[in-house]
């Protein structure tokens, strides 16, 4: 080869190498982006499943306040607290206090879970405040809780931004961006909305 032919060959090989390197970088970025999206979808699916399962088991545990029976449930737009009965095969107290809270962290909306043992003799949902939160869901859209039901017996059922203490749980709980249907729009109907003794005849 002459010197000119050698230089031309080296230039062509360099262009081919640069093209291949760019293609490899593009492929690596595409694979990493796909893995990130898959992990985010798995986290979303798992987080929504955990939230749905715990809300469906919400227990209308009642405490006496003056002359009123109030269910141990506190519902706000940014958080909700309730009580669940644990299965008998798990060790520890049968009752656990739960809190799901929506917090904004560096542009990401997190749904954090806190749970703590709950003593029915000293009913206080604030027991969860002594426990470190665990993140079960991350989204880039603002989320809030809303509650479906009747705040007063004569009122028609509707969605409410808060659920004040009362004699029953809401009929359903929604975690969504706003009133209009969106994604993810999680709506969980509660299986039991009144204490067990409300179904007992004559008592």
C-alpha atoms as a PDB file:
ATOM      1  CA  UNK A   1       0.000   0.000   0.000  1.00  0.00           C
ATOM      2  CA  UNK A   2       1.056   3.527  -0.628  1.00  0.00           C
ATOM      3  CA  UNK A   3       0.996   6.017   2.197  1.00  0.00           C
ATOM      4  CA  UNK A   4      -2.130   7.690   0.772  1.00  0.00           C
ATOM      5  CA  UNK A   5      -4.014   4.379   0.542  1.00  0.00           C
ATOM      6  CA  UNK A   6      -3.009   3.548   4.119  1.00  0.00           C
ATOM      7  CA  UNK A   7      -4.265   6.909   5.402  1.00  0.00           C
ATOM      8  CA  UNK A   8      -7.564   6.496   3.527  1.00  0.00           C
ATOM      9  CA  UNK A   9      -8.030   2.988   4.929  1.00  0.00           C
ATOM     10  CA  UNK A  10      -7.365   4.217   8.481  1.00  0.00           C
ATOM     11  CA  UNK A  11      -9.865   7.060   8.035  1.00  0.00           C
ATOM     12  CA  UNK A  12     -12.556   4.637   6.792  1.00  0.00           C
ATOM     13  CA  UNK A  13     -11.887   2.261   9.685  1.00  0.00           C
ATOM     14  CA  UNK A  14     -12.123   5.164  12.140  1.00  0.00           C
ATOM     15  CA  UNK A  15     -15.514   6.210  10.718  1.00  0.00           C
ATOM     16  CA  UNK A  16     -16.772   2.631  10.949  1.00  0.00           C
ATOM     17  CA  UNK A  17     -15.541   2.376  14.551  1.00  0.00           C
ATOM     18  CA  UNK A  18     -17.213   5.671  15.506  1.00  0.00           C
ATOM     19  CA  UNK A  19     -20.501   4.550  13.896  1.00  0.00           C
ATOM     20  CA  UNK A  20     -20.408   1.223  15.701  1.00  0.00           C
ATOM     21  CA  UNK A  21     -19.624   2.897  19.034  1.00  0.00           C
ATOM     22  CA  UNK A  22     -22.544   5.296  18.582  1.00  0.00           C
ATOM     23  CA  UNK A  23     -24.839   2.381  17.784  1.00  0.00           C
ATOM     24  CA  UNK A  24     -23.670   0.492  20.858  1.00  0.00           C
ATOM     25  CA  UNK A  25     -24.240   3.545  23.074  1.00  0.00           C
ATOM     26  CA  UNK A  26     -27.750   3.984  21.648  1.00  0.00           C
ATOM     27  CA  UNK A  27     -28.524   0.314  22.248  1.00  0.00           C
ATOM     28  CA  UNK A  28     -27.215   0.515  25.819  1.00  0.00           C
ATOM     29  CA  UNK A  29     -29.333   3.599  26.539  1.00  0.00           C
ATOM     30  CA  UNK A  30     -32.419   1.941  25.044  1.00  0.00           C
ATOM     31  CA  UNK A  31     -31.896  -1.177  27.177  1.00  0.00           C
ATOM     32  CA  UNK A  32     -31.346   0.910  30.326  1.00  0.00           C
ATOM     33  CA  UNK A  33     -34.468   2.983  29.605  1.00  0.00           C
ATOM     34  CA  UNK A  34     -36.528  -0.170  29.064  1.00  0.00           C
ATOM     35  CA  UNK A  35     -35.253  -1.683  32.311  1.00  0.00           C
ATOM     36  CA  UNK A  36     -36.036   1.544  34.184  1.00  0.00           C
ATOM     37  CA  UNK A  37     -39.584   1.642  32.814  1.00  0.00           C
ATOM     38  CA  UNK A  38     -40.100  -2.035  33.608  1.00  0.00           C
ATOM     39  CA  UNK A  39     -38.898  -1.532  37.186  1.00  0.00           C
ATOM     40  CA  UNK A  40     -41.131   1.540  37.572  1.00  0.00           C
ATOM     41  CA  UNK A  41     -44.141  -0.418  36.291  1.00  0.00           C
ATOM     42  CA  UNK A  42     -43.397  -3.320  38.627  1.00  0.00           C
ATOM     43  CA  UNK A  43     -43.062  -0.917  41.563  1.00  0.00           C
ATOM     44  CA  UNK A  44     -46.332   0.797  40.606  1.00  0.00           C
ATOM     45  CA  UNK A  45     -48.198  -2.498  40.270  1.00  0.00           C
ATOM     46  CA  UNK A  46     -46.832  -3.836  43.567  1.00  0.00           C
ATOM     47  CA  UNK A  47     -47.481  -0.571  45.430  1.00  0.00           C
ATOM     48  CA  UNK A  48     -51.077  -0.316  44.209  1.00  0.00           C
ATOM     49  CA  UNK A  49     -51.679  -3.978  45.065  1.00  0.00           C
ATOM     50  CA  UNK A  50     -50.377  -3.504  48.625  1.00  0.00           C
ATOM     51  CA  UNK A  51     -52.463  -0.365  49.100  1.00  0.00           C
ATOM     52  CA  UNK A  52     -55.596  -2.016  47.716  1.00  0.00           C
ATOM     53  CA  UNK A  53     -55.179  -5.109  49.862  1.00  0.00           C
ATOM     54  CA  UNK A  54     -54.726  -3.189  53.102  1.00  0.00           C
ATOM     55  CA  UNK A  55     -57.623  -0.811  52.448  1.00  0.00           C
ATOM     56  CA  UNK A  56     -59.972  -3.665  51.621  1.00  0.00           C
ATOM     57  CA  UNK A  57     -59.223  -5.149  55.045  1.00  0.00           C
ATOM     58  CA  UNK A  58     -59.789  -1.890  56.958  1.00  0.00           C
ATOM     59  CA  UNK A  59     -61.524  -2.715  60.248  1.00  0.00           C
ATOM     60  CA  UNK A  60     -64.203  -0.366  61.653  1.00  0.00           C
ATOM     61  CA  UNK A  61     -62.896  -0.458  65.202  1.00  0.00           C
ATOM     62  CA  UNK A  62     -65.098   1.775  67.382  1.00  0.00           C
ATOM     63  CA  UNK A  63     -64.236   3.841  70.427  1.00  0.00           C
ATOM     64  CA  UNK A  64     -66.591   5.744  72.701  1.00  0.00           C
ATOM     65  CA  UNK A  65     -66.234   9.548  72.693  1.00  0.00           C
ATOM     66  CA  UNK A  66     -68.829  11.107  74.980  1.00  0.00           C
ATOM     67  CA  UNK A  67     -72.164   9.721  73.831  1.00  0.00           C
ATOM     68  CA  UNK A  68     -70.945   8.919  70.317  1.00  0.00           C
ATOM     69  CA  UNK A  69     -69.424   5.810  68.772  1.00  0.00           C
ATOM     70  CA  UNK A  70     -66.605   6.856  66.436  1.00  0.00           C
ATOM     71  CA  UNK A  71     -64.784   4.561  64.055  1.00  0.00           C
ATOM     72  CA  UNK A  72     -60.991   4.668  64.281  1.00  0.00           C
ATOM     73  CA  UNK A  73     -60.451   6.215  60.870  1.00  0.00           C
ATOM     74  CA  UNK A  74     -58.952   9.544  59.836  1.00  0.00           C
ATOM     75  CA  UNK A  75     -59.162  10.606  56.203  1.00  0.00           C
ATOM     76  CA  UNK A  76     -57.512  13.699  54.719  1.00  0.00           C
ATOM     77  CA  UNK A  77     -56.438  14.609  51.232  1.00  0.00           C
ATOM     78  CA  UNK A  78     -52.754  13.993  51.900  1.00  0.00           C
ATOM     79  CA  UNK A  79     -53.045  11.041  54.276  1.00  0.00           C
ATOM     80  CA  UNK A  80     -55.324   8.454  55.820  1.00  0.00           C
ATOM     81  CA  UNK A  81     -55.122   6.387  58.980  1.00  0.00           C
ATOM     82  CA  UNK A  82     -57.060   3.283  59.879  1.00  0.00           C
ATOM     83  CA  UNK A  83     -56.900   0.022  61.824  1.00  0.00           C
ATOM     84  CA  UNK A  84     -56.554  -3.525  60.533  1.00  0.00           C
ATOM     85  CA  UNK A  85     -56.894  -6.890  62.230  1.00  0.00           C
ATOM     86  CA  UNK A  86     -53.907  -9.107  61.576  1.00  0.00           C
ATOM     87  CA  UNK A  87     -54.297 -12.820  60.765  1.00  0.00           C
ATOM     88  CA  UNK A  88     -54.148 -15.106  63.817  1.00  0.00           C
ATOM     89  CA  UNK A  89     -51.029 -16.914  62.579  1.00  0.00           C
ATOM     90  CA  UNK A  90     -48.917 -13.736  62.925  1.00  0.00           C
ATOM     91  CA  UNK A  91     -47.251 -13.051  66.249  1.00  0.00           C
ATOM     92  CA  UNK A  92     -47.909  -9.867  68.189  1.00  0.00           C
ATOM     93  CA  UNK A  93     -50.978  -7.782  68.904  1.00  0.00           C
ATOM     94  CA  UNK A  94     -53.979  -8.544  66.688  1.00  0.00           C
ATOM     95  CA  UNK A  95     -54.493  -4.877  65.751  1.00  0.00           C
ATOM     96  CA  UNK A  96     -52.204  -2.647  63.683  1.00  0.00           C
ATOM     97  CA  UNK A  97     -52.592   1.076  63.000  1.00  0.00           C
ATOM     98  CA  UNK A  98     -51.838   2.042  59.396  1.00  0.00           C
ATOM     99  CA  UNK A  99     -50.995   5.351  57.769  1.00  0.00           C
ATOM    100  CA  UNK A 100     -50.647   6.065  54.059  1.00  0.00           C
ATOM    101  CA  UNK A 101     -49.337   9.568  53.344  1.00  0.00           C
ATOM    102  CA  UNK A 102     -48.596  11.397  50.087  1.00  0.00           C
ATOM    103  CA  UNK A 103     -45.409  13.475  50.279  1.00  0.00           C
ATOM    104  CA  UNK A 104     -43.521  15.525  47.693  1.00  0.00           C
ATOM    105  CA  UNK A 105     -39.800  14.783  47.498  1.00  0.00           C
ATOM    106  CA  UNK A 106     -37.659  16.502  44.835  1.00  0.00           C
ATOM    107  CA  UNK A 107     -40.421  16.580  42.233  1.00  0.00           C
ATOM    108  CA  UNK A 108     -41.570  13.004  42.943  1.00  0.00           C
ATOM    109  CA  UNK A 109     -44.773  12.195  44.824  1.00  0.00           C
ATOM    110  CA  UNK A 110     -44.286   9.329  47.236  1.00  0.00           C
ATOM    111  CA  UNK A 111     -46.878   7.232  49.008  1.00  0.00           C
ATOM    112  CA  UNK A 112     -45.334   6.265  52.337  1.00  0.00           C
ATOM    113  CA  UNK A 113     -46.594   3.543  54.646  1.00  0.00           C
ATOM    114  CA  UNK A 114     -46.263   3.511  58.422  1.00  0.00           C
ATOM    115  CA  UNK A 115     -47.762   0.898  60.701  1.00  0.00           C
ATOM    116  CA  UNK A 116     -47.519   0.269  64.413  1.00  0.00           C
ATOM    117  CA  UNK A 117     -49.113  -2.032  67.023  1.00  0.00           C
ATOM    118  CA  UNK A 118     -52.477  -0.709  68.160  1.00  0.00           C
ATOM    119  CA  UNK A 119     -53.862  -1.202  71.660  1.00  0.00           C
ATOM    120  CA  UNK A 120     -57.696  -1.121  71.714  1.00  0.00           C
ATOM    121  CA  UNK A 121     -57.601  -0.154  75.392  1.00  0.00           C
ATOM    122  CA  UNK A 122     -55.668   2.999  74.452  1.00  0.00           C
ATOM    123  CA  UNK A 123     -56.992   3.820  70.983  1.00  0.00           C
ATOM    124  CA  UNK A 124     -54.784   6.399  69.322  1.00  0.00           C
ATOM    125  CA  UNK A 125     -53.953   6.379  65.611  1.00  0.00           C
ATOM    126  CA  UNK A 126     -51.024   8.722  66.317  1.00  0.00           C
ATOM    127  CA  UNK A 127     -49.072   5.626  67.363  1.00  0.00           C
ATOM    128  CA  UNK A 128     -47.805   5.401  63.767  1.00  0.00           C
ATOM    129  CA  UNK A 129     -45.860   8.658  64.187  1.00  0.00           C
ATOM    130  CA  UNK A 130     -43.124   6.838  66.106  1.00  0.00           C
ATOM    131  CA  UNK A 131     -42.405   4.518  63.144  1.00  0.00           C
ATOM    132  CA  UNK A 132     -40.149   5.316  60.190  1.00  0.00           C
ATOM    133  CA  UNK A 133     -42.047   5.469  56.874  1.00  0.00           C
ATOM    134  CA  UNK A 134     -41.498   3.037  54.012  1.00  0.00           C
ATOM    135  CA  UNK A 135     -42.143   4.137  50.432  1.00  0.00           C
ATOM    136  CA  UNK A 136     -44.532   1.850  48.547  1.00  0.00           C
ATOM    137  CA  UNK A 137     -45.234   4.034  45.514  1.00  0.00           C
ATOM    138  CA  UNK A 138     -43.506   6.789  43.497  1.00  0.00           C
ATOM    139  CA  UNK A 139     -45.176   8.944  40.842  1.00  0.00           C
ATOM    140  CA  UNK A 140     -44.430  12.192  39.059  1.00  0.00           C
ATOM    141  CA  UNK A 141     -48.044  13.386  39.227  1.00  0.00           C
ATOM    142  CA  UNK A 142     -49.720  14.963  42.251  1.00  0.00           C
ATOM    143  CA  UNK A 143     -52.000  12.555  44.110  1.00  0.00           C
ATOM    144  CA  UNK A 144     -54.569  12.870  46.864  1.00  0.00           C
ATOM    145  CA  UNK A 145     -57.082  10.709  48.678  1.00  0.00           C
ATOM    146  CA  UNK A 146     -60.836  11.225  48.345  1.00  0.00           C
ATOM    147  CA  UNK A 147     -63.653   9.354  50.070  1.00  0.00           C
ATOM    148  CA  UNK A 148     -67.017   8.119  48.795  1.00  0.00           C
ATOM    149  CA  UNK A 149     -70.040   7.893  51.049  1.00  0.00           C
ATOM    150  CA  UNK A 150     -72.595   9.814  53.083  1.00  0.00           C
ATOM    151  CA  UNK A 151     -71.327  12.197  55.703  1.00  0.00           C
ATOM    152  CA  UNK A 152     -74.899  12.503  57.011  1.00  0.00           C
ATOM    153  CA  UNK A 153     -77.694   9.960  56.634  1.00  0.00           C
ATOM    154  CA  UNK A 154     -79.875  12.275  54.540  1.00  0.00           C
ATOM    155  CA  UNK A 155     -77.089  13.374  52.201  1.00  0.00           C
ATOM    156  CA  UNK A 156     -76.649  11.666  48.824  1.00  0.00           C
ATOM    157  CA  UNK A 157     -73.414   9.706  48.459  1.00  0.00           C
ATOM    158  CA  UNK A 158     -70.571  11.724  46.919  1.00  0.00           C
ATOM    159  CA  UNK A 159     -66.810  12.085  46.828  1.00  0.00           C
ATOM    160  CA  UNK A 160     -65.380  14.098  49.742  1.00  0.00           C
ATOM    161  CA  UNK A 161     -61.919  15.600  50.251  1.00  0.00           C
ATOM    162  CA  UNK A 162     -61.981  14.563  53.915  1.00  0.00           C
ATOM    163  CA  UNK A 163     -63.710  11.931  55.999  1.00  0.00           C
ATOM    164  CA  UNK A 164     -64.199  13.220  59.547  1.00  0.00           C
ATOM    165  CA  UNK A 165     -64.626  10.853  62.502  1.00  0.00           C
ATOM    166  CA  UNK A 166     -68.037   9.238  62.432  1.00  0.00           C
ATOM    167  CA  UNK A 167     -69.955   6.022  63.023  1.00  0.00           C
ATOM    168  CA  UNK A 168     -68.790   4.263  59.832  1.00  0.00           C
ATOM    169  CA  UNK A 169     -65.989   4.006  57.327  1.00  0.00           C
ATOM    170  CA  UNK A 170     -66.385   5.502  53.848  1.00  0.00           C
ATOM    171  CA  UNK A 171     -67.786   3.152  51.243  1.00  0.00           C
ATOM    172  CA  UNK A 172     -64.774   3.603  48.955  1.00  0.00           C
ATOM    173  CA  UNK A 173     -61.409   5.362  48.857  1.00  0.00           C
ATOM    174  CA  UNK A 174     -59.789   6.795  45.756  1.00  0.00           C
ATOM    175  CA  UNK A 175     -56.160   7.742  45.144  1.00  0.00           C
ATOM    176  CA  UNK A 176     -55.944   9.917  42.033  1.00  0.00           C
ATOM    177  CA  UNK A 177     -54.712  13.200  40.631  1.00  0.00           C
ATOM    178  CA  UNK A 178     -58.087  14.964  40.714  1.00  0.00           C
ATOM    179  CA  UNK A 179     -61.804  14.536  40.304  1.00  0.00           C
ATOM    180  CA  UNK A 180     -61.628  13.618  36.609  1.00  0.00           C
ATOM    181  CA  UNK A 181     -60.643  10.023  35.806  1.00  0.00           C
ATOM    182  CA  UNK A 182     -56.905   9.722  35.286  1.00  0.00           C
ATOM    183  CA  UNK A 183     -53.996   7.342  35.614  1.00  0.00           C
ATOM    184  CA  UNK A 184     -53.310   5.793  37.940  1.00  0.00           C
ATOM    185  CA  UNK A 185     -56.834   6.076  39.340  1.00  0.00           C
ATOM    186  CA  UNK A 186     -57.086   3.618  42.227  1.00  0.00           C
ATOM    187  CA  UNK A 187     -60.588   3.134  43.640  1.00  0.00           C
ATOM    188  CA  UNK A 188     -60.952   0.644  46.495  1.00  0.00           C
ATOM    189  CA  UNK A 189     -64.392  -0.290  47.859  1.00  0.00           C
ATOM    190  CA  UNK A 190     -64.228  -1.085  51.560  1.00  0.00           C
ATOM    191  CA  UNK A 191     -65.715  -4.460  52.403  1.00  0.00           C
ATOM    192  CA  UNK A 192     -66.933  -3.575  55.907  1.00  0.00           C
ATOM    193  CA  UNK A 193     -68.104  -0.032  56.627  1.00  0.00           C
ATOM    194  CA  UNK A 194     -69.913  -0.508  59.956  1.00  0.00           C
ATOM    195  CA  UNK A 195     -68.986  -2.291  63.214  1.00  0.00           C
ATOM    196  CA  UNK A 196     -69.813  -5.979  63.394  1.00  0.00           C
ATOM    197  CA  UNK A 197     -72.477  -5.481  66.064  1.00  0.00           C
ATOM    198  CA  UNK A 198     -74.517  -3.277  63.699  1.00  0.00           C
ATOM    199  CA  UNK A 199     -75.578  -6.460  61.923  1.00  0.00           C
ATOM    200  CA  UNK A 200     -76.662  -8.271  65.085  1.00  0.00           C
ATOM    201  CA  UNK A 201     -80.420  -8.464  65.400  1.00  0.00           C
ATOM    202  CA  UNK A 202     -81.976  -6.644  68.335  1.00  0.00           C
ATOM    203  CA  UNK A 203     -78.668  -5.568  69.892  1.00  0.00           C
END
